[in-house]
N, C-alpha and C. Protein backbone atom coordinates (compact mmCIF):
# COMPACT_ATOMS: atom_id res chain seq x y z
N MET A 1 7.61 -13.83 15.15
CA MET A 1 8.05 -12.20 14.46
C MET A 1 8.24 -12.75 12.77
N GLY A 2 8.89 -13.95 12.50
CA GLY A 2 8.55 -14.60 10.97
C GLY A 2 7.78 -14.31 9.89
N LEU A 3 6.76 -15.01 10.47
CA LEU A 3 5.29 -14.79 9.59
C LEU A 3 4.93 -13.19 9.08
N GLY A 4 5.49 -12.51 10.18
CA GLY A 4 4.49 -11.16 9.86
C GLY A 4 5.83 -10.28 8.73
N LEU A 5 7.22 -11.08 8.81
CA LEU A 5 8.42 -10.21 8.26
C LEU A 5 7.91 -10.61 6.70
N ILE A 6 7.38 -12.33 6.63
CA ILE A 6 7.55 -12.99 5.22
C ILE A 6 6.22 -12.16 4.38
N ALA A 7 5.13 -12.12 5.58
CA ALA A 7 3.88 -11.20 5.03
C ALA A 7 4.11 -10.01 4.21
N ALA A 8 5.22 -8.54 5.04
CA ALA A 8 5.81 -7.91 4.67
C ALA A 8 6.68 -7.61 3.21
N VAL A 9 7.32 -9.10 3.28
CA VAL A 9 8.13 -8.70 1.96
C VAL A 9 7.60 -9.48 0.97
N LEU A 10 6.50 -10.58 1.22
CA LEU A 10 6.09 -10.90 0.07
C LEU A 10 4.76 -9.74 -0.47
N VAL A 11 4.22 -8.77 0.48
CA VAL A 11 3.68 -7.66 0.15
C VAL A 11 4.17 -6.90 -0.86
N ALA A 12 5.52 -6.21 -0.35
CA ALA A 12 6.11 -5.22 -1.01
C ALA A 12 7.00 -5.62 -2.47
N VAL A 13 7.14 -7.22 -2.36
CA VAL A 13 7.65 -7.48 -3.88
C VAL A 13 6.64 -7.28 -4.89
N VAL A 14 5.22 -8.56 -4.46
CA VAL A 14 4.07 -8.55 -5.28
C VAL A 14 3.84 -6.95 -5.72
N ASP A 15 3.93 -5.64 -4.60
CA ASP A 15 3.38 -4.39 -5.08
C ASP A 15 4.40 -3.69 -6.29
N GLN A 16 5.84 -4.31 -6.09
CA GLN A 16 6.88 -3.77 -7.22
C GLN A 16 6.75 -4.26 -8.17
N LEU A 17 6.73 -5.32 -8.00
CA LEU A 17 6.52 -6.15 -9.43
C LEU A 17 5.08 -5.95 -10.40
N THR A 18 4.10 -5.75 -9.87
CA THR A 18 2.81 -4.92 -10.31
C THR A 18 2.92 -3.50 -10.93
N LYS A 19 3.88 -3.00 -9.97
CA LYS A 19 3.80 -1.39 -10.47
C LYS A 19 4.89 -1.53 -11.47
N TYR A 20 5.72 -2.37 -11.82
CA TYR A 20 6.97 -2.63 -12.94
C TYR A 20 5.90 -2.78 -14.00
N TRP A 21 5.00 -4.00 -14.20
CA TRP A 21 4.47 -4.56 -15.29
C TRP A 21 3.63 -3.42 -15.39
N VAL A 22 2.79 -2.33 -14.67
CA VAL A 22 2.18 -1.38 -15.27
C VAL A 22 2.87 -0.59 -16.06
N LEU A 23 3.67 0.23 -15.31
CA LEU A 23 4.50 0.91 -16.36
C LEU A 23 4.90 0.70 -17.18
N GLY A 24 5.62 -0.61 -17.47
CA GLY A 24 5.52 -1.31 -18.89
C GLY A 24 4.51 -1.23 -19.63
N PHE A 25 3.68 -1.68 -19.35
CA PHE A 25 2.40 -1.82 -19.82
C PHE A 25 1.89 -0.67 -20.81
N PHE A 26 1.92 0.43 -19.60
CA PHE A 26 1.40 1.50 -20.13
C PHE A 26 2.13 2.21 -21.55
N ALA A 27 3.59 2.28 -20.97
CA ALA A 27 4.72 2.78 -21.92
C ALA A 27 4.59 2.21 -23.03
N ALA A 28 3.92 0.33 -23.32
CA ALA A 28 3.91 -0.07 -24.65
C ALA A 28 2.87 0.16 -25.33
N ARG A 29 1.95 1.33 -24.68
CA ARG A 29 0.40 1.82 -25.26
C ARG A 29 1.03 2.94 -25.58
N GLY A 30 2.02 3.40 -25.78
CA GLY A 30 2.21 4.53 -25.99
C GLY A 30 1.59 5.99 -24.94
N GLY A 31 1.75 5.26 -23.65
CA GLY A 31 1.39 6.50 -22.58
C GLY A 31 -0.57 6.47 -22.49
N VAL A 32 -1.32 6.03 -23.55
CA VAL A 32 -2.64 5.81 -22.94
C VAL A 32 -3.29 5.56 -21.78
N PRO A 33 -3.49 6.67 -20.73
CA PRO A 33 -4.08 6.83 -19.19
C PRO A 33 -4.87 5.64 -18.69
N VAL A 34 -6.01 5.12 -19.48
CA VAL A 34 -6.96 4.35 -19.15
C VAL A 34 -7.26 3.24 -20.42
N VAL A 35 -7.22 2.15 -19.49
CA VAL A 35 -7.42 0.98 -20.59
C VAL A 35 -8.74 0.57 -19.68
N GLU A 36 -9.84 0.04 -20.61
CA GLU A 36 -11.14 -0.40 -20.09
C GLU A 36 -10.89 -2.05 -19.96
N VAL A 37 -11.61 -2.24 -18.72
CA VAL A 37 -11.26 -4.16 -18.65
C VAL A 37 -12.90 -4.78 -18.58
N THR A 38 -13.38 -4.18 -17.59
CA THR A 38 -14.53 -4.83 -17.75
C THR A 38 -15.19 -3.12 -17.68
N SER A 39 -16.84 -3.31 -17.65
CA SER A 39 -17.73 -2.49 -17.35
C SER A 39 -17.23 -1.76 -15.88
N PHE A 40 -16.87 -2.11 -15.14
CA PHE A 40 -16.70 -1.75 -13.59
C PHE A 40 -15.07 -1.13 -12.93
N PHE A 41 -14.13 -1.82 -13.80
CA PHE A 41 -12.97 -1.67 -13.70
C PHE A 41 -11.99 -1.08 -14.80
N ASN A 42 -11.00 -0.22 -15.08
CA ASN A 42 -10.01 -0.21 -15.43
C ASN A 42 -8.82 0.18 -14.43
N LEU A 43 -7.83 -0.27 -15.86
CA LEU A 43 -6.08 -0.32 -15.20
C LEU A 43 -6.01 1.43 -15.87
N VAL A 44 -5.74 2.26 -15.27
CA VAL A 44 -5.07 3.24 -14.97
C VAL A 44 -3.97 3.99 -14.41
N LEU A 45 -3.14 4.74 -15.33
CA LEU A 45 -1.47 4.92 -15.16
C LEU A 45 -1.45 6.49 -14.02
N THR A 46 -1.76 6.65 -12.73
CA THR A 46 -1.88 7.93 -11.89
C THR A 46 -0.39 7.83 -11.22
N GLY A 47 -0.28 8.99 -10.77
CA GLY A 47 1.22 9.18 -9.68
C GLY A 47 0.65 9.99 -8.62
N ASN A 48 0.54 9.51 -7.25
CA ASN A 48 -0.02 10.08 -5.94
C ASN A 48 1.64 10.50 -5.17
N ARG A 49 1.80 11.86 -5.62
CA ARG A 49 2.82 12.81 -4.63
C ARG A 49 2.30 12.93 -3.02
N GLY A 50 0.92 12.58 -2.89
CA GLY A 50 0.27 12.87 -1.66
C GLY A 50 0.07 11.73 -0.58
N VAL A 51 -0.84 11.68 0.11
CA VAL A 51 -0.91 10.60 0.81
C VAL A 51 -2.35 10.04 0.68
N SER A 52 -2.89 9.19 1.64
CA SER A 52 -4.39 8.60 1.00
C SER A 52 -5.04 9.44 0.32
N PHE A 53 -5.42 8.67 -0.54
CA PHE A 53 -6.77 9.66 -1.53
C PHE A 53 -6.45 10.49 -2.05
N GLY A 54 -5.00 10.82 -2.42
CA GLY A 54 -4.53 12.18 -3.12
C GLY A 54 -4.14 13.78 -1.76
N LEU A 55 -4.48 13.31 -0.55
CA LEU A 55 -4.95 14.39 0.00
C LEU A 55 -3.06 14.82 -0.10
N PHE A 56 -2.97 16.33 -0.15
CA PHE A 56 -1.31 17.21 0.09
C PHE A 56 -0.85 16.39 -1.27
N ASN A 57 -1.71 16.19 -2.44
CA ASN A 57 -1.11 15.89 -3.95
C ASN A 57 -0.19 17.12 -4.51
N ASN A 58 0.99 17.04 -4.29
CA ASN A 58 1.77 18.22 -5.20
C ASN A 58 3.36 17.41 -5.47
N ASP A 59 3.72 19.06 -6.09
CA ASP A 59 5.25 17.98 -6.86
C ASP A 59 6.20 18.78 -5.93
N SER A 60 5.65 19.00 -4.48
CA SER A 60 7.08 19.36 -3.57
C SER A 60 7.94 18.32 -3.43
N GLY A 61 9.02 18.17 -3.47
CA GLY A 61 10.19 17.54 -2.75
C GLY A 61 9.87 17.44 -1.53
N MET A 62 9.05 18.69 -0.57
CA MET A 62 9.49 18.06 0.46
C MET A 62 8.42 16.85 1.00
N ASN A 63 7.33 16.85 0.19
CA ASN A 63 6.51 15.71 0.53
C ASN A 63 7.14 14.43 0.76
N ILE A 64 8.15 14.25 -0.39
CA ILE A 64 8.79 13.29 -0.06
C ILE A 64 9.73 12.93 0.61
N ALA A 65 9.99 13.39 1.64
CA ALA A 65 11.10 13.88 2.92
C ALA A 65 10.12 13.22 3.66
N ILE A 66 9.21 14.18 4.03
CA ILE A 66 8.57 14.10 5.33
C ILE A 66 7.37 12.36 5.36
N PHE A 67 6.59 12.50 4.11
CA PHE A 67 6.36 10.84 3.63
C PHE A 67 7.09 9.96 3.85
N THR A 68 8.37 9.96 3.63
CA THR A 68 9.32 9.11 3.94
C THR A 68 9.47 8.78 5.39
N VAL A 69 9.91 9.72 5.68
CA VAL A 69 10.09 9.94 7.65
C VAL A 69 8.94 9.07 8.51
N VAL A 70 7.74 10.12 8.04
CA VAL A 70 6.87 9.40 8.86
C VAL A 70 6.66 8.07 8.55
N ALA A 71 6.13 7.62 7.39
CA ALA A 71 6.47 5.95 6.75
C ALA A 71 7.12 5.06 7.71
N ALA A 72 8.82 5.49 7.52
CA ALA A 72 10.02 5.36 8.28
C ALA A 72 9.43 5.03 10.05
N ALA A 73 9.20 5.92 10.98
CA ALA A 73 8.43 6.11 12.21
C ALA A 73 7.13 5.23 12.29
N ILE A 74 6.42 5.01 11.42
CA ILE A 74 5.25 4.03 11.66
C ILE A 74 6.35 2.77 11.29
N VAL A 75 6.99 2.22 9.88
CA VAL A 75 7.41 0.97 10.61
C VAL A 75 8.19 0.32 11.37
N VAL A 76 8.96 1.01 12.19
CA VAL A 76 9.62 0.91 13.38
C VAL A 76 8.23 0.53 14.70
N GLY A 77 7.71 1.52 14.38
CA GLY A 77 6.69 0.91 15.30
C GLY A 77 6.42 -0.14 15.69
N LEU A 78 5.65 -0.31 13.97
CA LEU A 78 5.11 -1.80 13.76
C LEU A 78 6.03 -3.06 14.21
N LEU A 79 7.03 -2.77 13.89
CA LEU A 79 8.01 -3.88 13.80
C LEU A 79 8.23 -4.10 15.82
N VAL A 80 8.32 -3.16 16.22
CA VAL A 80 8.39 -3.37 17.86
C VAL A 80 7.12 -4.02 17.94
N TRP A 81 5.84 -3.45 17.83
CA TRP A 81 4.64 -4.40 17.96
C TRP A 81 4.60 -5.68 16.85
N LEU A 82 5.20 -5.91 16.03
CA LEU A 82 5.33 -7.15 15.16
C LEU A 82 5.92 -8.01 16.33
N ARG A 83 7.19 -7.78 16.94
CA ARG A 83 8.08 -8.55 18.13
C ARG A 83 7.24 -8.83 18.78
N ARG A 84 6.25 -8.19 19.38
CA ARG A 84 5.46 -8.75 20.64
C ARG A 84 3.76 -9.38 20.64
N ALA A 85 3.53 -9.57 19.03
CA ALA A 85 2.62 -9.98 18.73
C ALA A 85 2.13 -11.81 18.92
N GLU A 86 1.44 -12.13 19.43
CA GLU A 86 1.08 -13.21 19.67
C GLU A 86 0.24 -14.45 18.64
N SER A 87 -0.12 -13.66 18.11
CA SER A 87 -1.25 -14.64 17.27
C SER A 87 -0.11 -14.47 15.38
N ALA A 88 -1.36 -15.91 14.96
CA ALA A 88 -1.00 -15.68 13.54
C ALA A 88 -1.15 -14.56 12.96
N LEU A 89 -2.73 -13.88 13.22
CA LEU A 89 -3.38 -13.14 12.22
C LEU A 89 -2.87 -11.81 12.51
N LEU A 90 -2.51 -11.75 13.96
CA LEU A 90 -1.76 -10.14 14.49
C LEU A 90 -0.57 -10.00 13.84
N ARG A 91 0.30 -11.09 13.66
CA ARG A 91 1.27 -11.20 12.97
C ARG A 91 1.04 -10.81 11.26
N ILE A 92 0.63 -11.71 10.77
CA ILE A 92 0.25 -11.10 8.96
C ILE A 92 -0.64 -9.81 8.76
N ALA A 93 -1.32 -9.87 10.04
CA ALA A 93 -1.56 -8.28 9.22
C ALA A 93 -0.98 -6.99 9.80
N ILE A 94 -0.23 -7.20 10.35
CA ILE A 94 1.06 -6.10 11.21
C ILE A 94 1.61 -6.25 9.54
N GLY A 95 2.59 -7.39 9.44
CA GLY A 95 3.24 -7.40 8.25
C GLY A 95 2.57 -6.88 6.89
N MET A 96 1.46 -6.87 6.79
CA MET A 96 1.04 -6.77 5.47
C MET A 96 0.83 -5.02 5.39
N VAL A 97 0.37 -4.18 6.68
CA VAL A 97 0.62 -3.04 6.71
C VAL A 97 2.48 -2.22 6.32
N ILE A 98 3.42 -3.45 6.80
CA ILE A 98 4.73 -3.09 6.67
C ILE A 98 5.00 -3.13 5.23
N GLY A 99 4.95 -4.42 4.74
CA GLY A 99 5.02 -4.43 3.69
C GLY A 99 4.23 -3.13 2.32
N GLY A 100 3.04 -2.99 2.68
CA GLY A 100 2.52 -1.90 1.70
C GLY A 100 3.47 -0.99 2.06
N ALA A 101 3.68 0.12 2.88
CA ALA A 101 4.34 1.06 3.54
C ALA A 101 5.35 1.19 2.81
N ILE A 102 6.17 -0.09 3.05
CA ILE A 102 7.70 0.07 2.40
C ILE A 102 7.45 0.19 0.72
N GLY A 103 6.51 -0.61 -0.06
CA GLY A 103 5.91 -0.43 -1.27
C GLY A 103 5.65 0.74 -1.75
N ASN A 104 5.08 1.51 -1.09
CA ASN A 104 4.90 2.88 -1.47
C ASN A 104 5.87 3.55 -1.54
N VAL A 105 6.53 3.48 -0.13
CA VAL A 105 8.05 4.74 0.10
C VAL A 105 9.00 4.27 -0.53
N ALA A 106 9.12 3.05 -1.45
CA ALA A 106 10.00 2.50 -2.61
C ALA A 106 9.42 3.23 -3.80
N ASP A 107 8.16 3.84 -4.28
CA ASP A 107 8.23 4.62 -5.54
C ASP A 107 8.38 5.86 -5.26
N ARG A 108 8.22 6.31 -3.97
CA ARG A 108 8.76 7.77 -4.09
C ARG A 108 10.00 8.01 -4.00
N LEU A 109 10.61 6.76 -3.34
CA LEU A 109 12.70 7.52 -3.43
C LEU A 109 12.89 7.17 -4.96
N MET A 110 12.20 6.40 -5.71
CA MET A 110 13.03 5.89 -6.94
C MET A 110 12.71 6.99 -7.60
N PRO A 111 13.54 7.71 -7.92
CA PRO A 111 14.29 8.57 -8.87
C PRO A 111 13.20 9.01 -10.08
N SER A 112 13.34 7.86 -11.10
CA SER A 112 12.47 7.64 -12.49
C SER A 112 10.87 7.78 -12.03
N ARG A 113 10.46 7.32 -10.03
CA ARG A 113 8.97 7.59 -10.34
C ARG A 113 8.61 9.19 -9.33
N GLY A 114 9.35 8.95 -8.28
CA GLY A 114 8.99 10.20 -7.41
C GLY A 114 7.66 10.32 -7.00
N ALA A 115 6.53 9.64 -7.07
CA ALA A 115 5.31 9.20 -6.69
C ALA A 115 4.88 7.71 -6.65
N VAL A 116 3.81 7.54 -6.17
CA VAL A 116 3.63 6.26 -5.80
C VAL A 116 2.96 5.80 -7.02
N VAL A 117 2.86 4.90 -7.54
CA VAL A 117 2.07 4.36 -8.89
C VAL A 117 0.80 3.86 -8.44
N ASP A 118 -0.09 4.45 -9.00
CA ASP A 118 -1.69 3.90 -8.24
C ASP A 118 -2.21 3.57 -10.08
N PHE A 119 -2.80 2.10 -9.95
CA PHE A 119 -3.63 1.65 -11.17
C PHE A 119 -4.67 1.14 -11.17
N LEU A 120 -5.49 0.81 -9.97
CA LEU A 120 -6.45 -0.19 -9.98
C LEU A 120 -7.65 1.16 -9.73
N ASP A 121 -8.43 1.32 -10.83
CA ASP A 121 -9.65 2.08 -10.96
C ASP A 121 -10.78 1.22 -11.21
N PHE A 122 -11.84 0.91 -9.77
CA PHE A 122 -13.31 0.72 -10.25
C PHE A 122 -13.81 1.87 -9.75
N HIS A 123 -15.15 1.48 -10.77
CA HIS A 123 -15.89 2.74 -10.84
C HIS A 123 -17.78 1.78 -10.77
N LEU A 124 -18.47 2.90 -10.74
CA LEU A 124 -19.77 2.37 -10.47
C LEU A 124 -20.23 3.61 -12.12
N GLY A 125 -20.43 3.09 -13.21
CA GLY A 125 -21.06 4.37 -14.30
C GLY A 125 -19.76 5.41 -13.98
N ASP A 126 -20.38 6.43 -14.33
CA ASP A 126 -18.93 7.66 -14.23
C ASP A 126 -18.76 7.74 -12.75
N TRP A 127 -18.99 7.23 -11.63
CA TRP A 127 -18.33 7.18 -10.32
C TRP A 127 -17.41 6.63 -10.15
N HIS A 128 -16.06 7.10 -9.64
CA HIS A 128 -14.91 6.31 -9.61
C HIS A 128 -14.50 6.64 -8.48
N TRP A 129 -14.20 4.92 -7.51
CA TRP A 129 -13.37 5.21 -6.28
C TRP A 129 -12.12 5.79 -6.92
N PHE A 130 -10.91 5.97 -5.39
CA PHE A 130 -9.58 6.89 -5.88
C PHE A 130 -8.86 5.45 -6.38
N ALA A 131 -8.24 5.77 -7.24
CA ALA A 131 -7.56 4.77 -7.92
C ALA A 131 -5.93 4.28 -6.85
N PHE A 132 -5.80 3.11 -6.99
CA PHE A 132 -5.19 2.59 -5.91
C PHE A 132 -4.10 1.57 -6.13
N ASN A 133 -3.37 0.72 -5.65
CA ASN A 133 -2.47 -0.28 -5.82
C ASN A 133 -2.55 -1.24 -4.55
N ILE A 134 -1.47 -2.72 -4.98
CA ILE A 134 -1.43 -3.69 -4.53
C ILE A 134 -0.74 -3.39 -2.59
N ALA A 135 -0.15 -2.16 -2.60
CA ALA A 135 0.30 -1.89 -1.00
C ALA A 135 -0.87 -1.33 -0.58
N ASP A 136 -1.13 -0.72 -1.17
CA ASP A 136 -2.57 0.27 -0.29
C ASP A 136 -3.87 -0.96 -0.24
N SER A 137 -4.16 -1.74 -0.85
CA SER A 137 -4.91 -2.74 -0.21
C SER A 137 -4.24 -3.48 0.89
N ALA A 138 -3.24 -3.84 0.55
CA ALA A 138 -2.48 -4.61 1.90
C ALA A 138 -2.61 -4.12 3.16
N ILE A 139 -2.69 -2.88 3.00
CA ILE A 139 -2.50 -1.93 4.27
C ILE A 139 -3.86 -1.63 4.58
N CYS A 140 -4.74 -1.75 3.77
CA CYS A 140 -6.48 -1.56 4.36
C CYS A 140 -6.99 -2.96 4.40
N LEU A 141 -6.41 -4.15 3.73
CA LEU A 141 -6.67 -5.39 4.60
C LEU A 141 -6.08 -5.45 5.86
N GLY A 142 -4.93 -5.10 5.76
CA GLY A 142 -3.77 -5.35 7.26
C GLY A 142 -4.52 -4.70 8.41
N VAL A 143 -4.78 -3.24 7.85
CA VAL A 143 -5.75 -2.47 8.98
C VAL A 143 -6.91 -3.11 9.63
N ALA A 144 -7.70 -3.65 8.41
CA ALA A 144 -9.08 -4.45 8.80
C ALA A 144 -8.48 -5.73 9.84
N ALA A 145 -8.24 -6.85 9.44
CA ALA A 145 -7.60 -7.56 10.30
C ALA A 145 -7.05 -6.94 11.49
N LEU A 146 -6.46 -5.86 11.51
CA LEU A 146 -6.00 -5.67 13.08
C LEU A 146 -7.35 -5.29 14.01
N LEU A 147 -8.18 -4.51 13.03
CA LEU A 147 -9.56 -3.94 13.93
C LEU A 147 -10.16 -5.25 14.14
N ILE A 148 -10.16 -6.65 13.25
CA ILE A 148 -11.16 -7.72 13.75
C ILE A 148 -10.49 -8.05 15.26
N ASP A 149 -8.83 -7.88 14.86
CA ASP A 149 -8.41 -8.83 16.16
C ASP A 149 -8.47 -8.47 17.41
N GLY A 150 -8.42 -6.66 17.27
CA GLY A 150 -8.65 -6.14 18.57
C GLY A 150 -9.97 -6.23 18.99
N LEU A 151 -11.04 -6.10 18.06
CA LEU A 151 -12.42 -6.42 18.54
C LEU A 151 -13.06 -8.00 18.98
N LEU A 152 -12.24 -8.96 18.11
CA LEU A 152 -12.61 -10.28 18.38
C LEU A 152 -12.10 -11.12 18.72
N GLY A 153 -10.91 -11.03 18.80
CA GLY A 153 -10.04 -11.87 19.48
C GLY A 153 -9.74 -12.20 20.88
N ARG A 154 -9.36 -12.91 21.22
CA ARG A 154 -9.97 -13.49 22.92
C ARG A 154 -8.47 -13.35 23.09
N ARG A 155 -8.93 -12.15 24.74
CA ARG A 155 -7.64 -12.21 25.13
C ARG A 155 -7.86 -12.84 27.13
N GLU A 156 -6.70 -13.19 27.28
CA GLU A 156 -6.62 -13.61 28.73
C GLU A 156 -6.68 -12.23 29.50
N THR A 157 -7.38 -12.60 30.50
CA THR A 157 -7.71 -11.53 31.63
C THR A 157 -6.58 -12.06 32.70
N ARG A 158 -6.29 -10.91 32.98
CA ARG A 158 -4.39 -10.97 33.92
C ARG A 158 -5.55 -10.84 35.44
N ARG A 159 -5.02 -11.65 36.44
CA ARG A 159 -5.84 -11.78 37.95
C ARG A 159 -5.14 -11.15 39.16
């Protein structure tokens, strides 16, 4: 369980540090919402009050309550799974999802934010992928590792 908890804490801390940096960076630039870094990547400052990819993105205070309760329930379930996980890959993957969920919920609960801070914007010409953050990345990578473990991981069969 320790390896998963370390991954969760690491993801949550790195996520919050990068969001703190991004908020300061954009505040120092006078609120300019987009900074072109390369021909395919921008730093942007967006606040997502919804769920993945901006679904249900509105200013409703109910969103904060509902999404926080749902995330808390998911984290509790993941902690139970983490306690039973046997492989290091599985523990790290579950920890990454837990840390990402905690990082995004922390944003929603901070009165100064009230929304998840997204800032990574990859694009191809005028086509932009949805802006995301470190927590979102950790959740996606953690889920991918869970799928790989589920599909390719060795399981002993009981006789």
